[in-house]
Amino acid sequence: MSLIGNFGKVAANLHSLTWEIGSVVGTFQTEDKITCSAYSPENNLVLLLAQSGEATCSNRLVALKENGEIKFDVTEPSDYWFYYLASHVNYEMAVVCISKGNALDWYFSIDPDSGELHPLNRSY
């Protein structure tokens, strides 16, 4: 399966996300700016990227259970910023990151239980 991108409805102020999965309506509010959202049907998780504080790019990855409870909340890998959520040929849950030091984008798989990120390969 693949991630479902642009999942749910992001509020006009970019600080809350609302979604519906079956008969369950979930919501998540944050002080950070939500920049991307997706849904993992395989893991039944809502994913979002957010930009906190003075950051210039997304620096927070949050996974939510269908009811809005946080499953994990992780920061970007060292030397990278989060760019967008995507599926990878071998992993349903992945994130593309941009390097802080050069022009290479990179895929990272997302562990659905812990949020641990594992480098995969360049993203073109």
C-alpha atoms as a PDB file:
ATOM      1  CA  MET A   1       0.000   0.000   0.000  1.00  0.00           C
ATOM      2  CA  SER A   2       0.987   3.626  -0.339  1.00  0.00           C
ATOM      3  CA  LEU A   3       0.587   6.633   1.884  1.00  0.00           C
ATOM      4  CA  ILE A   4      -2.433   8.800   1.196  1.00  0.00           C
ATOM      5  CA  GLY A   5      -1.039  12.317   0.827  1.00  0.00           C
ATOM      6  CA  ASN A   6      -2.632  15.620   1.813  1.00  0.00           C
ATOM      7  CA  PHE A   7      -4.729  13.730   4.327  1.00  0.00           C
ATOM      8  CA  GLY A   8      -7.349  15.510   6.405  1.00  0.00           C
ATOM      9  CA  LYS A   9      -8.031  19.216   6.555  1.00  0.00           C
ATOM     10  CA  VAL A  10      -5.396  21.656   7.754  1.00  0.00           C
ATOM     11  CA  ALA A  11      -6.902  24.793   9.331  1.00  0.00           C
ATOM     12  CA  ALA A  12      -6.321  28.155   7.649  1.00  0.00           C
ATOM     13  CA  ASN A  13      -3.912  29.138  10.436  1.00  0.00           C
ATOM     14  CA  LEU A  14      -1.889  25.909   9.761  1.00  0.00           C
ATOM     15  CA  HIS A  15      -1.951  24.923  13.454  1.00  0.00           C
ATOM     16  CA  SER A  16      -4.526  22.102  13.460  1.00  0.00           C
ATOM     17  CA  LEU A  17      -5.399  19.047  11.422  1.00  0.00           C
ATOM     18  CA  THR A  18      -8.778  17.286  11.399  1.00  0.00           C
ATOM     19  CA  TRP A  19      -9.537  13.945   9.727  1.00  0.00           C
ATOM     20  CA  GLU A  20     -12.045  11.120   9.549  1.00  0.00           C
ATOM     21  CA  ILE A  21     -11.147   7.416   9.466  1.00  0.00           C
ATOM     22  CA  GLY A  22     -14.260   5.265   9.281  1.00  0.00           C
ATOM     23  CA  SER A  23     -16.542   6.577  12.009  1.00  0.00           C
ATOM     24  CA  VAL A  24     -13.708   8.100  14.070  1.00  0.00           C
ATOM     25  CA  VAL A  25     -13.072  11.843  13.785  1.00  0.00           C
ATOM     26  CA  GLY A  26      -9.628  12.893  14.952  1.00  0.00           C
ATOM     27  CA  THR A  27      -8.012  16.232  15.514  1.00  0.00           C
ATOM     28  CA  PHE A  28      -4.565  17.498  16.437  1.00  0.00           C
ATOM     29  CA  GLN A  29      -3.584  21.011  17.439  1.00  0.00           C
ATOM     30  CA  THR A  30      -0.056  22.362  17.682  1.00  0.00           C
ATOM     31  CA  GLU A  31       1.764  25.653  18.082  1.00  0.00           C
ATOM     32  CA  ASP A  32       3.907  24.606  15.115  1.00  0.00           C
ATOM     33  CA  LYS A  33       3.018  25.204  11.461  1.00  0.00           C
ATOM     34  CA  ILE A  34       1.763  22.014   9.762  1.00  0.00           C
ATOM     35  CA  THR A  35       3.469  21.694   6.379  1.00  0.00           C
ATOM     36  CA  CYS A  36       2.475  18.196   5.202  1.00  0.00           C
ATOM     37  CA  SER A  37       0.085  15.402   6.177  1.00  0.00           C
ATOM     38  CA  ALA A  38      -0.483  11.801   5.088  1.00  0.00           C
ATOM     39  CA  TYR A  39      -2.264   8.640   6.191  1.00  0.00           C
ATOM     40  CA  SER A  40      -0.757   5.151   6.429  1.00  0.00           C
ATOM     41  CA  PRO A  41      -3.528   2.587   5.823  1.00  0.00           C
ATOM     42  CA  GLU A  42      -1.128  -0.270   6.591  1.00  0.00           C
ATOM     43  CA  ASN A  43      -0.300   1.117  10.074  1.00  0.00           C
ATOM     44  CA  ASN A  44      -3.475   3.134  10.675  1.00  0.00           C
ATOM     45  CA  LEU A  45      -1.422   6.250  11.457  1.00  0.00           C
ATOM     46  CA  VAL A  46      -1.850   9.901  10.509  1.00  0.00           C
ATOM     47  CA  LEU A  47       1.540  11.492   9.833  1.00  0.00           C
ATOM     48  CA  LEU A  48       2.384  15.154   9.734  1.00  0.00           C
ATOM     49  CA  LEU A  49       5.415  17.341   9.276  1.00  0.00           C
ATOM     50  CA  ALA A  50       5.613  20.592  11.186  1.00  0.00           C
ATOM     51  CA  GLN A  51       7.855  23.622  11.326  1.00  0.00           C
ATOM     52  CA  SER A  52       8.540  24.853  14.842  1.00  0.00           C
ATOM     53  CA  GLY A  53       9.831  28.136  16.176  1.00  0.00           C
ATOM     54  CA  GLU A  54      12.270  29.966  13.941  1.00  0.00           C
ATOM     55  CA  ALA A  55      13.002  26.937  11.749  1.00  0.00           C
ATOM     56  CA  THR A  56      13.060  27.633   8.021  1.00  0.00           C
ATOM     57  CA  CYS A  57      11.934  24.093   7.073  1.00  0.00           C
ATOM     58  CA  SER A  58       9.969  21.262   8.664  1.00  0.00           C
ATOM     59  CA  ASN A  59      11.836  19.864  11.644  1.00  0.00           C
ATOM     60  CA  ARG A  60       9.238  17.698  13.378  1.00  0.00           C
ATOM     61  CA  LEU A  61       7.556  14.418  12.353  1.00  0.00           C
ATOM     62  CA  VAL A  62       4.481  13.394  14.334  1.00  0.00           C
ATOM     63  CA  ALA A  63       2.519  10.136  14.050  1.00  0.00           C
ATOM     64  CA  LEU A  64      -0.995  10.083  15.432  1.00  0.00           C
ATOM     65  CA  LYS A  65      -3.377   7.254  16.164  1.00  0.00           C
ATOM     66  CA  GLU A  66      -6.786   7.589  14.519  1.00  0.00           C
ATOM     67  CA  ASN A  67      -8.208   9.255  17.671  1.00  0.00           C
ATOM     68  CA  GLY A  68      -5.503  11.964  17.697  1.00  0.00           C
ATOM     69  CA  GLU A  69      -3.268  10.448  20.395  1.00  0.00           C
ATOM     70  CA  ILE A  70       0.437  10.922  19.645  1.00  0.00           C
ATOM     71  CA  LYS A  71       2.244   7.654  18.882  1.00  0.00           C
ATOM     72  CA  PHE A  72       5.645   9.301  18.335  1.00  0.00           C
ATOM     73  CA  ASP A  73       7.115  12.748  17.780  1.00  0.00           C
ATOM     74  CA  VAL A  74      10.641  12.934  16.338  1.00  0.00           C
ATOM     75  CA  THR A  75      12.973  15.619  15.040  1.00  0.00           C
ATOM     76  CA  GLU A  76      14.754  15.648  11.701  1.00  0.00           C
ATOM     77  CA  PRO A  77      17.862  13.524  11.138  1.00  0.00           C
ATOM     78  CA  SER A  78      21.193  15.196  11.790  1.00  0.00           C
ATOM     79  CA  ASP A  79      22.211  17.456   8.876  1.00  0.00           C
ATOM     80  CA  TYR A  80      18.753  17.230   7.213  1.00  0.00           C
ATOM     81  CA  TRP A  81      15.374  18.952   7.175  1.00  0.00           C
ATOM     82  CA  PHE A  82      12.103  17.153   6.513  1.00  0.00           C
ATOM     83  CA  TYR A  83      10.809  17.887   3.005  1.00  0.00           C
ATOM     84  CA  TYR A  84       7.726  15.727   2.345  1.00  0.00           C
ATOM     85  CA  LEU A  85       6.070  12.420   3.268  1.00  0.00           C
ATOM     86  CA  ALA A  86       6.038   9.671   0.642  1.00  0.00           C
ATOM     87  CA  SER A  87       6.030   5.929   0.134  1.00  0.00           C
ATOM     88  CA  HIS A  88       9.221   4.198  -0.953  1.00  0.00           C
ATOM     89  CA  VAL A  89       9.353   1.165  -3.214  1.00  0.00           C
ATOM     90  CA  ASN A  90      10.168  -1.021  -0.153  1.00  0.00           C
ATOM     91  CA  TYR A  91       8.424   0.939   2.633  1.00  0.00           C
ATOM     92  CA  GLU A  92       4.942   2.369   2.929  1.00  0.00           C
ATOM     93  CA  MET A  93       6.069   5.043   5.394  1.00  0.00           C
ATOM     94  CA  ALA A  94       8.983   7.210   4.306  1.00  0.00           C
ATOM     95  CA  VAL A  95      10.028  10.828   4.395  1.00  0.00           C
ATOM     96  CA  VAL A  96      12.163  12.725   1.922  1.00  0.00           C
ATOM     97  CA  CYS A  97      14.693  15.015   3.555  1.00  0.00           C
ATOM     98  CA  ILE A  98      16.874  17.770   2.151  1.00  0.00           C
ATOM     99  CA  SER A  99      20.465  18.133   3.219  1.00  0.00           C
ATOM    100  CA  LYS A 100      21.536  21.202   5.161  1.00  0.00           C
ATOM    101  CA  GLY A 101      25.003  20.985   3.588  1.00  0.00           C
ATOM    102  CA  ASN A 102      24.530  20.026  -0.069  1.00  0.00           C
ATOM    103  CA  ALA A 103      21.895  19.544  -2.757  1.00  0.00           C
ATOM    104  CA  LEU A 104      21.086  15.864  -2.184  1.00  0.00           C
ATOM    105  CA  ASP A 105      17.569  14.819  -1.176  1.00  0.00           C
ATOM    106  CA  TRP A 106      17.410  11.527   0.708  1.00  0.00           C
ATOM    107  CA  TYR A 107      14.706   8.943   1.530  1.00  0.00           C
ATOM    108  CA  PHE A 108      14.396   7.762   5.133  1.00  0.00           C
ATOM    109  CA  SER A 109      12.086   4.921   6.174  1.00  0.00           C
ATOM    110  CA  ILE A 110       9.939   5.567   9.244  1.00  0.00           C
ATOM    111  CA  ASP A 111       9.612   2.793  11.835  1.00  0.00           C
ATOM    112  CA  PRO A 112       5.840   2.669  12.540  1.00  0.00           C
ATOM    113  CA  ASP A 113       6.343   1.726  16.195  1.00  0.00           C
ATOM    114  CA  SER A 114       9.087   4.101  17.325  1.00  0.00           C
ATOM    115  CA  GLY A 115       9.443   6.738  14.610  1.00  0.00           C
ATOM    116  CA  GLU A 116      13.091   5.811  14.194  1.00  0.00           C
ATOM    117  CA  LEU A 117      14.390   6.982  10.819  1.00  0.00           C
ATOM    118  CA  HIS A 118      16.640   4.823   8.626  1.00  0.00           C
ATOM    119  CA  PRO A 119      18.450   6.208   5.555  1.00  0.00           C
ATOM    120  CA  LEU A 120      17.506   4.419   2.337  1.00  0.00           C
ATOM    121  CA  ASN A 121      18.744   6.094  -0.829  1.00  0.00           C
ATOM    122  CA  ARG A 122      18.829   9.358  -2.746  1.00  0.00           C
ATOM    123  CA  SER A 123      15.549  10.856  -3.845  1.00  0.00           C
ATOM    124  CA  TYR A 124      15.580  12.245  -7.349  1.00  0.00           C
END
